[in-house]
Amino acid sequence: MKNKNLAQDIVYKVKADFFRALSHAVRLKVIEALKNGEQSVGALVKQINVSQSSLSRHLIALRDAGMLVSRQEKTTVYYAIRDHDIFQVLRPITLMLRKKFKESERVLKTLGKE
């Protein structure tokens, strides 16, 4: 029984670490920016509008979490999505948030009528 609990604890920790890697807006922007393919760090800096040092920290976090792969060509580093199934994880979250915002909108409209 103790081994089963330990195994479950490890699974929960791995899941928490996975979601922690996604818990920053810049990281979500990076994943979305790479949806259609590999990009250089320079291109991502321009597209996401963050400093290169800040972006590099986020790219490393996503790569270390196993979400991105990188390659270097001369002095340019390129990043890409490791497994596009990440979008199957993010899609239901988007749908849930849309529902939440629609409900909030209905409540706000009701408040405006008083």
C-alpha atoms as a PDB file:
ATOM      1  CA  MET A   1       0.000   0.000   0.000  1.00  0.00           C
ATOM      2  CA  LYS A   2       2.839   2.365   0.841  1.00  0.00           C
ATOM      3  CA  ASN A   3       4.458   1.788  -2.577  1.00  0.00           C
ATOM      4  CA  LYS A   4       1.151   2.540  -4.304  1.00  0.00           C
ATOM      5  CA  ASN A   5       0.824   5.833  -2.411  1.00  0.00           C
ATOM      6  CA  LEU A   6       4.405   6.730  -3.258  1.00  0.00           C
ATOM      7  CA  ALA A   7       3.783   5.999  -6.941  1.00  0.00           C
ATOM      8  CA  GLN A   8       0.612   8.140  -6.874  1.00  0.00           C
ATOM      9  CA  ASP A   9       2.508  10.959  -5.157  1.00  0.00           C
ATOM     10  CA  ILE A  10       5.141  10.843  -7.893  1.00  0.00           C
ATOM     11  CA  VAL A  11       2.460  11.002 -10.595  1.00  0.00           C
ATOM     12  CA  TYR A  12       0.849  14.035  -8.928  1.00  0.00           C
ATOM     13  CA  LYS A  13       4.246  15.731  -8.626  1.00  0.00           C
ATOM     14  CA  VAL A  14       5.014  15.145 -12.310  1.00  0.00           C
ATOM     15  CA  LYS A  15       1.607  16.560 -13.285  1.00  0.00           C
ATOM     16  CA  ALA A  16       2.073  19.577 -11.027  1.00  0.00           C
ATOM     17  CA  ASP A  17       5.512  20.231 -12.512  1.00  0.00           C
ATOM     18  CA  PHE A  18       4.017  20.018 -16.005  1.00  0.00           C
ATOM     19  CA  PHE A  19       1.354  22.608 -15.206  1.00  0.00           C
ATOM     20  CA  ARG A  20       3.858  24.771 -13.326  1.00  0.00           C
ATOM     21  CA  ALA A  21       5.907  24.980 -16.530  1.00  0.00           C
ATOM     22  CA  LEU A  22       2.829  26.420 -18.251  1.00  0.00           C
ATOM     23  CA  SER A  23       1.972  28.832 -15.450  1.00  0.00           C
ATOM     24  CA  HIS A  24       3.330  32.006 -17.022  1.00  0.00           C
ATOM     25  CA  ALA A  25       1.730  34.086 -19.766  1.00  0.00           C
ATOM     26  CA  VAL A  26       4.998  34.375 -21.696  1.00  0.00           C
ATOM     27  CA  ARG A  27       5.343  30.594 -21.788  1.00  0.00           C
ATOM     28  CA  LEU A  28       1.823  30.208 -23.135  1.00  0.00           C
ATOM     29  CA  LYS A  29       2.599  32.852 -25.763  1.00  0.00           C
ATOM     30  CA  VAL A  30       5.729  30.917 -26.741  1.00  0.00           C
ATOM     31  CA  ILE A  31       3.784  27.694 -27.177  1.00  0.00           C
ATOM     32  CA  GLU A  32       1.174  29.482 -29.266  1.00  0.00           C
ATOM     33  CA  ALA A  33       3.877  31.203 -31.360  1.00  0.00           C
ATOM     34  CA  LEU A  34       5.496  27.835 -32.105  1.00  0.00           C
ATOM     35  CA  LYS A  35       2.203  26.191 -33.052  1.00  0.00           C
ATOM     36  CA  ASN A  36       2.964  26.427 -36.767  1.00  0.00           C
ATOM     37  CA  GLY A  37       6.596  25.421 -36.590  1.00  0.00           C
ATOM     38  CA  GLU A  38      10.115  26.139 -35.464  1.00  0.00           C
ATOM     39  CA  GLN A  39      11.266  29.721 -34.862  1.00  0.00           C
ATOM     40  CA  SER A  40      14.506  31.386 -33.896  1.00  0.00           C
ATOM     41  CA  VAL A  41      14.908  33.087 -30.531  1.00  0.00           C
ATOM     42  CA  GLY A  42      15.245  36.423 -32.346  1.00  0.00           C
ATOM     43  CA  ALA A  43      11.937  35.938 -34.162  1.00  0.00           C
ATOM     44  CA  LEU A  44      10.227  34.969 -30.903  1.00  0.00           C
ATOM     45  CA  VAL A  45      11.612  38.068 -29.145  1.00  0.00           C
ATOM     46  CA  LYS A  46      10.014  40.277 -31.811  1.00  0.00           C
ATOM     47  CA  GLN A  47       6.754  38.353 -31.921  1.00  0.00           C
ATOM     48  CA  ILE A  48       6.219  38.095 -28.160  1.00  0.00           C
ATOM     49  CA  ASN A  49       7.741  41.493 -27.359  1.00  0.00           C
ATOM     50  CA  VAL A  50       9.918  40.525 -24.380  1.00  0.00           C
ATOM     51  CA  SER A  51      13.623  40.903 -23.732  1.00  0.00           C
ATOM     52  CA  GLN A  52      15.879  38.164 -25.002  1.00  0.00           C
ATOM     53  CA  SER A  53      17.129  37.334 -21.491  1.00  0.00           C
ATOM     54  CA  SER A  54      13.577  36.982 -20.164  1.00  0.00           C
ATOM     55  CA  LEU A  55      12.522  34.892 -23.133  1.00  0.00           C
ATOM     56  CA  SER A  56      15.566  32.647 -22.779  1.00  0.00           C
ATOM     57  CA  ARG A  57      14.631  31.804 -19.186  1.00  0.00           C
ATOM     58  CA  HIS A  58      11.122  30.842 -20.274  1.00  0.00           C
ATOM     59  CA  LEU A  59      12.377  28.817 -23.237  1.00  0.00           C
ATOM     60  CA  ILE A  60      14.735  26.882 -20.973  1.00  0.00           C
ATOM     61  CA  ALA A  61      11.914  26.177 -18.508  1.00  0.00           C
ATOM     62  CA  LEU A  62       9.705  24.832 -21.296  1.00  0.00           C
ATOM     63  CA  ARG A  63      12.555  22.801 -22.773  1.00  0.00           C
ATOM     64  CA  ASP A  64      13.475  21.363 -19.371  1.00  0.00           C
ATOM     65  CA  ALA A  65       9.819  20.409 -18.867  1.00  0.00           C
ATOM     66  CA  GLY A  66       9.997  18.457 -22.123  1.00  0.00           C
ATOM     67  CA  MET A  67       7.637  20.693 -24.072  1.00  0.00           C
ATOM     68  CA  LEU A  68      10.166  22.202 -26.462  1.00  0.00           C
ATOM     69  CA  VAL A  69      13.192  21.040 -28.402  1.00  0.00           C
ATOM     70  CA  SER A  70      16.015  23.284 -29.508  1.00  0.00           C
ATOM     71  CA  ARG A  71      18.763  23.209 -32.062  1.00  0.00           C
ATOM     72  CA  GLN A  72      21.598  25.559 -32.852  1.00  0.00           C
ATOM     73  CA  GLU A  73      22.679  26.611 -36.320  1.00  0.00           C
ATOM     74  CA  LYS A  74      25.880  28.666 -36.127  1.00  0.00           C
ATOM     75  CA  THR A  75      24.948  31.425 -33.654  1.00  0.00           C
ATOM     76  CA  THR A  76      21.165  31.121 -34.004  1.00  0.00           C
ATOM     77  CA  VAL A  77      19.097  28.944 -31.672  1.00  0.00           C
ATOM     78  CA  TYR A  78      15.775  27.572 -32.895  1.00  0.00           C
ATOM     79  CA  TYR A  79      12.929  26.173 -30.815  1.00  0.00           C
ATOM     80  CA  ALA A  80      10.003  23.946 -31.726  1.00  0.00           C
ATOM     81  CA  ILE A  81       7.184  22.094 -29.991  1.00  0.00           C
ATOM     82  CA  ARG A  82       8.315  18.600 -28.976  1.00  0.00           C
ATOM     83  CA  ASP A  83       4.847  17.038 -28.995  1.00  0.00           C
ATOM     84  CA  HIS A  84       1.870  18.784 -30.560  1.00  0.00           C
ATOM     85  CA  ASP A  85      -0.424  16.907 -28.175  1.00  0.00           C
ATOM     86  CA  ILE A  86       0.221  19.871 -25.849  1.00  0.00           C
ATOM     87  CA  PHE A  87      -2.549  21.623 -27.780  1.00  0.00           C
ATOM     88  CA  GLN A  88      -4.967  18.845 -26.838  1.00  0.00           C
ATOM     89  CA  VAL A  89      -4.208  19.762 -23.219  1.00  0.00           C
ATOM     90  CA  LEU A  90      -4.593  23.504 -23.735  1.00  0.00           C
ATOM     91  CA  ARG A  91      -7.758  23.371 -25.858  1.00  0.00           C
ATOM     92  CA  PRO A  92     -10.130  22.190 -23.072  1.00  0.00           C
ATOM     93  CA  ILE A  93      -8.709  24.875 -20.774  1.00  0.00           C
ATOM     94  CA  THR A  94      -9.535  27.499 -23.395  1.00  0.00           C
ATOM     95  CA  LEU A  95     -13.067  26.153 -23.688  1.00  0.00           C
ATOM     96  CA  MET A  96     -13.520  26.189 -19.907  1.00  0.00           C
ATOM     97  CA  LEU A  97     -12.307  29.795 -19.712  1.00  0.00           C
ATOM     98  CA  ARG A  98     -14.686  30.853 -22.491  1.00  0.00           C
ATOM     99  CA  LYS A  99     -17.600  29.396 -20.503  1.00  0.00           C
ATOM    100  CA  LYS A 100     -16.417  31.163 -17.366  1.00  0.00           C
ATOM    101  CA  PHE A 101     -16.160  34.524 -19.145  1.00  0.00           C
ATOM    102  CA  LYS A 102     -19.609  34.105 -20.726  1.00  0.00           C
ATOM    103  CA  GLU A 103     -21.083  33.424 -17.284  1.00  0.00           C
ATOM    104  CA  SER A 104     -19.295  36.479 -15.879  1.00  0.00           C
ATOM    105  CA  GLU A 105     -20.601  38.557 -18.768  1.00  0.00           C
ATOM    106  CA  ARG A 106     -24.177  37.459 -18.011  1.00  0.00           C
ATOM    107  CA  VAL A 107     -23.761  38.396 -14.349  1.00  0.00           C
ATOM    108  CA  LEU A 108     -22.353  41.813 -15.267  1.00  0.00           C
ATOM    109  CA  LYS A 109     -25.251  42.468 -17.652  1.00  0.00           C
ATOM    110  CA  THR A 110     -27.694  41.561 -14.857  1.00  0.00           C
ATOM    111  CA  LEU A 111     -25.944  43.965 -12.491  1.00  0.00           C
ATOM    112  CA  GLY A 112     -26.213  46.733 -15.055  1.00  0.00           C
ATOM    113  CA  LYS A 113     -30.021  46.397 -15.131  1.00  0.00           C
ATOM    114  CA  GLU A 114     -30.499  47.249 -11.464  1.00  0.00           C
END
